[in-house]
Full PDB file with SEQRES, HELIX, SHEET, SSBOND, CRYST1, ORIGX, SCALE, CONECT and MASTER records, all heavy atoms in Angstrom:
SEQRES   1 A   36  SER LEU GLY PRO VAL PHE THR SER CYS SER PRO THR TYR          
SEQRES   2 A   36  GLY ILE VAL VAL ALA THR ILE LEU PRO VAL ASN PHE ALA          
SEQRES   3 A   36  LEU GLY THR VAL TYR ILE THR ALA TYR ALA                      
HELIX    1 AA1 GLY A    3  PHE A    6  1                                   4    
HELIX    2 AA2 PRO A   11  ILE A   15  1                                   5    
HELIX    3 AA3 VAL A   16  ILE A   20  3                                   5    
HELIX    4 AA4 PHE A   25  TYR A   35  1                                  11    
CRYST1    1.000    1.000    1.000  90.00  90.00  90.00 P 1           1          
ORIGX1      1.000000  0.000000  0.000000        0.00000                         
ORIGX2      0.000000  1.000000  0.000000        0.00000                         
ORIGX3      0.000000  0.000000  1.000000        0.00000                         
SCALE1      1.000000  0.000000  0.000000        0.00000                         
SCALE2      0.000000  1.000000  0.000000        0.00000                         
SCALE3      0.000000  0.000000  1.000000        0.00000                         
ATOM      1  N   SER A   1      11.223   3.745 -32.069  1.00  0.00           N  
ATOM      2  CA  SER A   1      10.371   2.592 -31.752  1.00  0.00           C  
ATOM      3  C   SER A   1      10.245   2.346 -30.257  1.00  0.00           C  
ATOM      4  O   SER A   1       9.325   1.650 -29.811  1.00  0.00           O  
ATOM      5  CB  SER A   1      10.936   1.334 -32.422  1.00  0.00           C  
ATOM      6  OG  SER A   1      12.141   0.920 -31.798  1.00  0.00           O  
ATOM      7  N   LEU A   2      11.156   2.915 -29.454  1.00  0.00           N  
ATOM      8  CA  LEU A   2      11.165   2.653 -28.017  1.00  0.00           C  
ATOM      9  C   LEU A   2      10.208   3.540 -27.228  1.00  0.00           C  
ATOM     10  O   LEU A   2       9.881   3.231 -26.084  1.00  0.00           O  
ATOM     11  CB  LEU A   2      12.585   2.825 -27.467  1.00  0.00           C  
ATOM     12  CG  LEU A   2      13.626   1.823 -27.963  1.00  0.00           C  
ATOM     13  CD1 LEU A   2      15.007   2.200 -27.448  1.00  0.00           C  
ATOM     14  CD2 LEU A   2      13.264   0.411 -27.532  1.00  0.00           C  
ATOM     15  N   GLY A   3       9.763   4.646 -27.814  1.00  0.00           N  
ATOM     16  CA  GLY A   3       8.913   5.590 -27.096  1.00  0.00           C  
ATOM     17  C   GLY A   3       7.702   4.980 -26.436  1.00  0.00           C  
ATOM     18  O   GLY A   3       7.486   5.140 -25.224  1.00  0.00           O  
ATOM     19  N   PRO A   4       6.861   4.241 -27.169  1.00  0.00           N  
ATOM     20  CA  PRO A   4       5.657   3.667 -26.562  1.00  0.00           C  
ATOM     21  C   PRO A   4       5.954   2.713 -25.422  1.00  0.00           C  
ATOM     22  O   PRO A   4       5.152   2.578 -24.497  1.00  0.00           O  
ATOM     23  CB  PRO A   4       5.006   2.923 -27.751  1.00  0.00           C  
ATOM     24  CG  PRO A   4       5.495   3.646 -28.948  1.00  0.00           C  
ATOM     25  CD  PRO A   4       6.909   4.032 -28.625  1.00  0.00           C  
ATOM     26  N   VAL A   5       7.101   2.037 -25.477  1.00  0.00           N  
ATOM     27  CA  VAL A   5       7.452   1.075 -24.433  1.00  0.00           C  
ATOM     28  C   VAL A   5       7.917   1.788 -23.176  1.00  0.00           C  
ATOM     29  O   VAL A   5       7.547   1.423 -22.052  1.00  0.00           O  
ATOM     30  CB  VAL A   5       8.543   0.110 -24.930  1.00  0.00           C  
ATOM     31  CG1 VAL A   5       8.818  -0.972 -23.891  1.00  0.00           C  
ATOM     32  CG2 VAL A   5       8.131  -0.527 -26.254  1.00  0.00           C  
ATOM     33  N   PHE A   6       8.716   2.853 -23.343  1.00  0.00           N  
ATOM     34  CA  PHE A   6       9.233   3.591 -22.198  1.00  0.00           C  
ATOM     35  C   PHE A   6       8.133   4.307 -21.422  1.00  0.00           C  
ATOM     36  O   PHE A   6       8.304   4.612 -20.244  1.00  0.00           O  
ATOM     37  CB  PHE A   6      10.261   4.636 -22.656  1.00  0.00           C  
ATOM     38  CG  PHE A   6      11.632   4.064 -22.900  1.00  0.00           C  
ATOM     39  CD1 PHE A   6      12.407   4.528 -23.951  1.00  0.00           C  
ATOM     40  CD2 PHE A   6      12.145   3.073 -22.087  1.00  0.00           C  
ATOM     41  CE1 PHE A   6      13.680   4.018 -24.184  1.00  0.00           C  
ATOM     42  CE2 PHE A   6      13.409   2.547 -22.308  1.00  0.00           C  
ATOM     43  CZ  PHE A   6      14.177   3.024 -23.361  1.00  0.00           C  
ATOM     44  N   THR A   7       7.005   4.606 -22.061  1.00  0.00           N  
ATOM     45  CA  THR A   7       5.978   5.408 -21.405  1.00  0.00           C  
ATOM     46  C   THR A   7       5.075   4.608 -20.463  1.00  0.00           C  
ATOM     47  O   THR A   7       4.112   5.159 -19.936  1.00  0.00           O  
ATOM     48  CB  THR A   7       5.079   6.102 -22.451  1.00  0.00           C  
ATOM     49  OG1 THR A   7       4.498   5.103 -23.308  1.00  0.00           O  
ATOM     50  CG2 THR A   7       5.869   7.084 -23.282  1.00  0.00           C  
ATOM     51  N   SER A   8       5.384   3.348 -20.249  1.00  0.00           N  
ATOM     52  CA  SER A   8       4.512   2.531 -19.401  1.00  0.00           C  
ATOM     53  C   SER A   8       5.173   2.149 -18.082  1.00  0.00           C  
ATOM     54  O   SER A   8       4.727   1.231 -17.418  1.00  0.00           O  
ATOM     55  CB  SER A   8       4.132   1.248 -20.159  1.00  0.00           C  
ATOM     56  OG  SER A   8       5.279   0.455 -20.405  1.00  0.00           O  
ATOM     57  N   CYS A   9       6.222   2.870 -17.697  1.00  0.00           N  
ATOM     58  CA  CYS A   9       7.064   2.385 -16.606  1.00  0.00           C  
ATOM     59  C   CYS A   9       7.078   3.245 -15.337  1.00  0.00           C  
ATOM     60  O   CYS A   9       7.720   2.866 -14.374  1.00  0.00           O  
ATOM     61  CB  CYS A   9       8.506   2.255 -17.104  1.00  0.00           C  
ATOM     62  SG  CYS A   9       8.694   1.061 -18.418  1.00  0.00           S  
ATOM     63  N   SER A  10       6.441   4.394 -15.341  1.00  0.00           N  
ATOM     64  CA  SER A  10       6.584   5.289 -14.202  1.00  0.00           C  
ATOM     65  C   SER A  10       5.232   5.746 -13.658  1.00  0.00           C  
ATOM     66  O   SER A  10       4.387   6.225 -14.416  1.00  0.00           O  
ATOM     67  CB  SER A  10       7.400   6.517 -14.612  1.00  0.00           C  
ATOM     68  OG  SER A  10       7.286   7.551 -13.664  1.00  0.00           O  
ATOM     69  N   PRO A  11       5.013   5.629 -12.329  1.00  0.00           N  
ATOM     70  CA  PRO A  11       3.769   6.144 -11.754  1.00  0.00           C  
ATOM     71  C   PRO A  11       3.646   7.656 -11.893  1.00  0.00           C  
ATOM     72  O   PRO A  11       2.546   8.175 -12.069  1.00  0.00           O  
ATOM     73  CB  PRO A  11       3.862   5.717 -10.280  1.00  0.00           C  
ATOM     74  CG  PRO A  11       5.299   5.408 -10.036  1.00  0.00           C  
ATOM     75  CD  PRO A  11       5.841   4.928 -11.340  1.00  0.00           C  
ATOM     76  N   THR A  12       4.772   8.368 -11.819  1.00  0.00           N  
ATOM     77  CA  THR A  12       4.730   9.826 -11.987  1.00  0.00           C  
ATOM     78  C   THR A  12       4.280  10.176 -13.401  1.00  0.00           C  
ATOM     79  O   THR A  12       3.454  11.076 -13.594  1.00  0.00           O  
ATOM     80  CB  THR A  12       6.116  10.451 -11.731  1.00  0.00           C  
ATOM     81  OG1 THR A  12       6.549  10.109 -10.415  1.00  0.00           O  
ATOM     82  CG2 THR A  12       6.055  11.967 -11.870  1.00  0.00           C  
ATOM     83  N   TYR A  13       4.812   9.465 -14.372  1.00  0.00           N  
ATOM     84  CA  TYR A  13       4.385   9.683 -15.758  1.00  0.00           C  
ATOM     85  C   TYR A  13       2.877   9.463 -15.876  1.00  0.00           C  
ATOM     86  O   TYR A  13       2.172  10.231 -16.519  1.00  0.00           O  
ATOM     87  CB  TYR A  13       5.138   8.722 -16.680  1.00  0.00           C  
ATOM     88  CG  TYR A  13       4.628   8.724 -18.103  1.00  0.00           C  
ATOM     89  CD1 TYR A  13       5.131   9.616 -19.046  1.00  0.00           C  
ATOM     90  CD2 TYR A  13       3.637   7.823 -18.511  1.00  0.00           C  
ATOM     91  CE1 TYR A  13       4.660   9.622 -20.347  1.00  0.00           C  
ATOM     92  CE2 TYR A  13       3.162   7.825 -19.803  1.00  0.00           C  
ATOM     93  CZ  TYR A  13       3.674   8.724 -20.716  1.00  0.00           C  
ATOM     94  OH  TYR A  13       3.190   8.736 -21.999  1.00  0.00           O  
ATOM     95  N   GLY A  14       2.395   8.400 -15.246  1.00  0.00           N  
ATOM     96  CA  GLY A  14       0.966   8.103 -15.292  1.00  0.00           C  
ATOM     97  C   GLY A  14       0.129   9.203 -14.680  1.00  0.00           C  
ATOM     98  O   GLY A  14      -0.945   9.553 -15.195  1.00  0.00           O  
ATOM     99  N   ILE A  15       0.602   9.769 -13.582  1.00  0.00           N  
ATOM    100  CA  ILE A  15      -0.130  10.851 -12.915  1.00  0.00           C  
ATOM    101  C   ILE A  15      -0.175  12.093 -13.790  1.00  0.00           C  
ATOM    102  O   ILE A  15      -1.213  12.744 -13.923  1.00  0.00           O  
ATOM    103  CB  ILE A  15       0.523  11.169 -11.555  1.00  0.00           C  
ATOM    104  CG1 ILE A  15       0.271  10.025 -10.572  1.00  0.00           C  
ATOM    105  CG2 ILE A  15      -0.019  12.490 -10.984  1.00  0.00           C  
ATOM    106  CD1 ILE A  15       1.006  10.181  -9.266  1.00  0.00           C  
ATOM    107  N   VAL A  16       0.958  12.424 -14.396  1.00  0.00           N  
ATOM    108  CA  VAL A  16       1.008  13.606 -15.270  1.00  0.00           C  
ATOM    109  C   VAL A  16       0.042  13.441 -16.435  1.00  0.00           C  
ATOM    110  O   VAL A  16      -0.721  14.352 -16.769  1.00  0.00           O  
ATOM    111  CB  VAL A  16       2.449  13.827 -15.797  1.00  0.00           C  
ATOM    112  CG1 VAL A  16       2.452  14.901 -16.882  1.00  0.00           C  
ATOM    113  CG2 VAL A  16       3.370  14.227 -14.659  1.00  0.00           C  
ATOM    114  N   VAL A  17       0.055  12.273 -17.050  1.00  0.00           N  
ATOM    115  CA  VAL A  17      -0.799  12.022 -18.207  1.00  0.00           C  
ATOM    116  C   VAL A  17      -2.272  12.042 -17.823  1.00  0.00           C  
ATOM    117  O   VAL A  17      -3.119  12.559 -18.559  1.00  0.00           O  
ATOM    118  CB  VAL A  17      -0.435  10.669 -18.857  1.00  0.00           C  
ATOM    119  CG1 VAL A  17      -1.483  10.263 -19.889  1.00  0.00           C  
ATOM    120  CG2 VAL A  17       0.937  10.762 -19.515  1.00  0.00           C  
ATOM    121  N   ALA A  18      -2.585  11.493 -16.641  1.00  0.00           N  
ATOM    122  CA  ALA A  18      -3.983  11.359 -16.236  1.00  0.00           C  
ATOM    123  C   ALA A  18      -4.560  12.643 -15.649  1.00  0.00           C  
ATOM    124  O   ALA A  18      -5.750  12.940 -15.835  1.00  0.00           O  
ATOM    125  CB  ALA A  18      -4.121  10.220 -15.225  1.00  0.00           C  
ATOM    126  N   THR A  19      -3.732  13.420 -14.930  1.00  0.00           N  
ATOM    127  CA  THR A  19      -4.288  14.554 -14.189  1.00  0.00           C  
ATOM    128  C   THR A  19      -3.824  15.926 -14.676  1.00  0.00           C  
ATOM    129  O   THR A  19      -4.567  16.901 -14.539  1.00  0.00           O  
ATOM    130  CB  THR A  19      -3.927  14.438 -12.692  1.00  0.00           C  
ATOM    131  OG1 THR A  19      -2.506  14.532 -12.533  1.00  0.00           O  
ATOM    132  CG2 THR A  19      -4.420  13.127 -12.127  1.00  0.00           C  
ATOM    133  N   ILE A  20      -2.611  16.006 -15.209  1.00  0.00           N  
ATOM    134  CA  ILE A  20      -2.071  17.310 -15.597  1.00  0.00           C  
ATOM    135  C   ILE A  20      -2.320  17.614 -17.075  1.00  0.00           C  
ATOM    136  O   ILE A  20      -2.814  18.678 -17.439  1.00  0.00           O  
ATOM    137  CB  ILE A  20      -0.562  17.397 -15.303  1.00  0.00           C  
ATOM    138  CG1 ILE A  20      -0.286  17.087 -13.830  1.00  0.00           C  
ATOM    139  CG2 ILE A  20      -0.030  18.789 -15.670  1.00  0.00           C  
ATOM    140  CD1 ILE A  20      -0.906  18.057 -12.867  1.00  0.00           C  
ATOM    141  N   LEU A  21      -1.977  16.673 -17.932  1.00  0.00           N  
ATOM    142  CA  LEU A  21      -2.048  16.899 -19.370  1.00  0.00           C  
ATOM    143  C   LEU A  21      -3.451  17.281 -19.860  1.00  0.00           C  
ATOM    144  O   LEU A  21      -3.585  18.202 -20.668  1.00  0.00           O  
ATOM    145  CB  LEU A  21      -1.535  15.668 -20.115  1.00  0.00           C  
ATOM    146  CG  LEU A  21      -1.132  15.860 -21.583  1.00  0.00           C  
ATOM    147  CD1 LEU A  21      -0.054  16.932 -21.707  1.00  0.00           C  
ATOM    148  CD2 LEU A  21      -0.637  14.548 -22.172  1.00  0.00           C  
ATOM    149  N   PRO A  22      -4.518  16.612 -19.377  1.00  0.00           N  
ATOM    150  CA  PRO A  22      -5.850  16.988 -19.860  1.00  0.00           C  
ATOM    151  C   PRO A  22      -6.279  18.387 -19.419  1.00  0.00           C  
ATOM    152  O   PRO A  22      -7.087  19.034 -20.093  1.00  0.00           O  
ATOM    153  CB  PRO A  22      -6.762  15.916 -19.235  1.00  0.00           C  
ATOM    154  CG  PRO A  22      -5.862  14.778 -18.919  1.00  0.00           C  
ATOM    155  CD  PRO A  22      -4.566  15.420 -18.526  1.00  0.00           C  
ATOM    156  N   VAL A  23      -5.749  18.857 -18.282  1.00  0.00           N  
ATOM    157  CA  VAL A  23      -6.146  20.157 -17.738  1.00  0.00           C  
ATOM    158  C   VAL A  23      -5.284  21.284 -18.283  1.00  0.00           C  
ATOM    159  O   VAL A  23      -5.774  22.363 -18.643  1.00  0.00           O  
ATOM    160  CB  VAL A  23      -6.072  20.131 -16.189  1.00  0.00           C  
ATOM    161  CG1 VAL A  23      -6.417  21.507 -15.613  1.00  0.00           C  
ATOM    162  CG2 VAL A  23      -7.009  19.070 -15.636  1.00  0.00           C  
ATOM    163  N   ASN A  24      -3.982  21.057 -18.315  1.00  0.00           N  
ATOM    164  CA  ASN A  24      -3.036  22.072 -18.773  1.00  0.00           C  
ATOM    165  C   ASN A  24      -2.052  21.412 -19.723  1.00  0.00           C  
ATOM    166  O   ASN A  24      -1.064  20.815 -19.303  1.00  0.00           O  
ATOM    167  CB  ASN A  24      -2.307  22.694 -17.577  1.00  0.00           C  
ATOM    168  CG  ASN A  24      -1.515  23.933 -17.957  1.00  0.00           C  
ATOM    169  OD1 ASN A  24      -0.967  24.025 -19.045  1.00  0.00           O  
ATOM    170  ND2 ASN A  24      -1.434  24.894 -17.045  1.00  0.00           N  
ATOM    171  N   PHE A  25      -2.331  21.519 -21.008  1.00  0.00           N  
ATOM    172  CA  PHE A  25      -1.534  20.833 -22.025  1.00  0.00           C  
ATOM    173  C   PHE A  25      -0.069  21.291 -21.991  1.00  0.00           C  
ATOM    174  O   PHE A  25       0.848  20.478 -22.067  1.00  0.00           O  
ATOM    175  CB  PHE A  25      -2.130  21.093 -23.406  1.00  0.00           C  
ATOM    176  CG  PHE A  25      -1.528  20.262 -24.505  1.00  0.00           C  
ATOM    177  CD1 PHE A  25      -1.945  18.961 -24.715  1.00  0.00           C  
ATOM    178  CD2 PHE A  25      -0.537  20.781 -25.323  1.00  0.00           C  
ATOM    179  CE1 PHE A  25      -1.398  18.188 -25.728  1.00  0.00           C  
ATOM    180  CE2 PHE A  25       0.018  20.023 -26.343  1.00  0.00           C  
ATOM    181  CZ  PHE A  25      -0.419  18.721 -26.539  1.00  0.00           C  
ATOM    182  N   ALA A  26       0.150  22.585 -21.856  1.00  0.00           N  
ATOM    183  CA  ALA A  26       1.516  23.126 -21.875  1.00  0.00           C  
ATOM    184  C   ALA A  26       2.311  22.638 -20.669  1.00  0.00           C  
ATOM    185  O   ALA A  26       3.468  22.203 -20.802  1.00  0.00           O  
ATOM    186  CB  ALA A  26       1.472  24.644 -21.900  1.00  0.00           C  
ATOM    187  N   LEU A  27       1.699  22.703 -19.480  1.00  0.00           N  
ATOM    188  CA  LEU A  27       2.387  22.264 -18.270  1.00  0.00           C  
ATOM    189  C   LEU A  27       2.642  20.764 -18.304  1.00  0.00           C  
ATOM    190  O   LEU A  27       3.715  20.294 -17.915  1.00  0.00           O  
ATOM    191  CB  LEU A  27       1.553  22.630 -17.034  1.00  0.00           C  
ATOM    192  CG  LEU A  27       2.213  22.382 -15.670  1.00  0.00           C  
ATOM    193  CD1 LEU A  27       3.495  23.189 -15.549  1.00  0.00           C  
ATOM    194  CD2 LEU A  27       1.239  22.735 -14.545  1.00  0.00           C  
ATOM    195  N   GLY A  28       1.663  20.007 -18.788  1.00  0.00           N  
ATOM    196  CA  GLY A  28       1.846  18.568 -18.914  1.00  0.00           C  
ATOM    197  C   GLY A  28       2.994  18.229 -19.842  1.00  0.00           C  
ATOM    198  O   GLY A  28       3.766  17.300 -19.591  1.00  0.00           O  
ATOM    199  N   THR A  29       3.121  18.992 -20.920  1.00  0.00           N  
ATOM    200  CA  THR A  29       4.207  18.779 -21.870  1.00  0.00           C  
ATOM    201  C   THR A  29       5.562  19.023 -21.210  1.00  0.00           C  
ATOM    202  O   THR A  29       6.531  18.286 -21.447  1.00  0.00           O  
ATOM    203  CB  THR A  29       4.058  19.709 -23.089  1.00  0.00           C  
ATOM    204  OG1 THR A  29       2.798  19.458 -23.727  1.00  0.00           O  
ATOM    205  CG2 THR A  29       5.180  19.494 -24.085  1.00  0.00           C  
ATOM    206  N   VAL A  30       5.641  20.043 -20.368  1.00  0.00           N  
ATOM    207  CA  VAL A  30       6.888  20.355 -19.649  1.00  0.00           C  
ATOM    208  C   VAL A  30       7.267  19.190 -18.742  1.00  0.00           C  
ATOM    209  O   VAL A  30       8.437  18.764 -18.698  1.00  0.00           O  
ATOM    210  CB  VAL A  30       6.736  21.645 -18.828  1.00  0.00           C  
ATOM    211  CG1 VAL A  30       7.953  21.839 -17.911  1.00  0.00           C  
ATOM    212  CG2 VAL A  30       6.576  22.853 -19.740  1.00  0.00           C  
ATOM    213  N   TYR A  31       6.292  18.640 -18.024  1.00  0.00           N  
ATOM    214  CA  TYR A  31       6.572  17.532 -17.104  1.00  0.00           C  
ATOM    215  C   TYR A  31       6.988  16.269 -17.863  1.00  0.00           C  
ATOM    216  O   TYR A  31       7.901  15.551 -17.436  1.00  0.00           O  
ATOM    217  CB  TYR A  31       5.340  17.226 -16.245  1.00  0.00           C  
ATOM    218  CG  TYR A  31       5.007  18.301 -15.238  1.00  0.00           C  
ATOM    219  CD1 TYR A  31       3.708  18.488 -14.775  1.00  0.00           C  
ATOM    220  CD2 TYR A  31       5.999  19.149 -14.742  1.00  0.00           C  
ATOM    221  CE1 TYR A  31       3.400  19.480 -13.857  1.00  0.00           C  
ATOM    222  CE2 TYR A  31       5.696  20.151 -13.822  1.00  0.00           C  
ATOM    223  CZ  TYR A  31       4.394  20.308 -13.383  1.00  0.00           C  
ATOM    224  OH  TYR A  31       4.096  21.285 -12.471  1.00  0.00           O  
ATOM    225  N   ILE A  32       6.302  15.994 -18.974  1.00  0.00           N  
ATOM    226  CA  ILE A  32       6.653  14.823 -19.773  1.00  0.00           C  
ATOM    227  C   ILE A  32       8.065  14.973 -20.337  1.00  0.00           C  
ATOM    228  O   ILE A  32       8.844  14.017 -20.373  1.00  0.00           O  
ATOM    229  CB  ILE A  32       5.641  14.639 -20.931  1.00  0.00           C  
ATOM    230  CG1 ILE A  32       4.259  14.263 -20.367  1.00  0.00           C  
ATOM    231  CG2 ILE A  32       6.125  13.575 -21.910  1.00  0.00           C  
ATOM    232  CD1 ILE A  32       4.240  12.983 -19.573  1.00  0.00           C  
ATOM    233  N   THR A  33       8.407  16.182 -20.749  1.00  0.00           N  
ATOM    234  CA  THR A  33       9.751  16.445 -21.267  1.00  0.00           C  
ATOM    235  C   THR A  33      10.796  16.232 -20.182  1.00  0.00           C  
ATOM    236  O   THR A  33      11.871  15.655 -20.429  1.00  0.00           O  
ATOM    237  CB  THR A  33       9.851  17.879 -21.814  1.00  0.00           C  
ATOM    238  OG1 THR A  33       8.880  18.064 -22.857  1.00  0.00           O  
ATOM    239  CG2 THR A  33      11.240  18.159 -22.373  1.00  0.00           C  
ATOM    240  N   ALA A  34      10.499  16.685 -18.963  1.00  0.00           N  
ATOM    241  CA  ALA A  34      11.418  16.491 -17.839  1.00  0.00           C  
ATOM    242  C   ALA A  34      11.628  15.003 -17.569  1.00  0.00           C  
ATOM    243  O   ALA A  34      12.757  14.544 -17.328  1.00  0.00           O  
ATOM    244  CB  ALA A  34      10.876  17.189 -16.590  1.00  0.00           C  
ATOM    245  N   TYR A  35      10.545  14.255 -17.623  1.00  0.00           N  
ATOM    246  CA  TYR A  35      10.630  12.801 -17.429  1.00  0.00           C  
ATOM    247  C   TYR A  35      11.531  12.172 -18.487  1.00  0.00           C  
ATOM    248  O   TYR A  35      12.431  11.369 -18.175  1.00  0.00           O  
ATOM    249  CB  TYR A  35       9.231  12.192 -17.489  1.00  0.00           C  
ATOM    250  CG  TYR A  35       9.218  10.689 -17.639  1.00  0.00           C  
ATOM    251  CD1 TYR A  35       9.463   9.855 -16.548  1.00  0.00           C  
ATOM    252  CD2 TYR A  35       8.977  10.085 -18.871  1.00  0.00           C  
ATOM    253  CE1 TYR A  35       9.470   8.471 -16.686  1.00  0.00           C  
ATOM    254  CE2 TYR A  35       8.982   8.711 -19.016  1.00  0.00           C  
ATOM    255  CZ  TYR A  35       9.218   7.909 -17.925  1.00  0.00           C  
ATOM    256  OH  TYR A  35       9.227   6.548 -18.059  1.00  0.00           O  
ATOM    257  N   ALA A  36      11.311  12.541 -19.738  1.00  0.00           N  
ATOM    258  CA  ALA A  36      12.091  11.979 -20.848  1.00  0.00           C  
ATOM    259  C   ALA A  36      13.569  12.341 -20.733  1.00  0.00           C  
ATOM    260  O   ALA A  36      14.451  11.524 -21.009  1.00  0.00           O  
ATOM    261  CB  ALA A  36      11.524  12.463 -22.181  1.00  0.00           C  
TER     262      ALA A  36                                                      
MASTER        0    0    0    4    0    0    0    6  261    1    0    3          
END                                                                             
């Protein structure tokens, strides 16, 4: 239940989601995993 809440707290997370994930899904997933 905490996942959606934790994802709203980091500017780096926001950048990865906005700029990396749409372009390179695999690389974005790696960065999100590192954040988590």
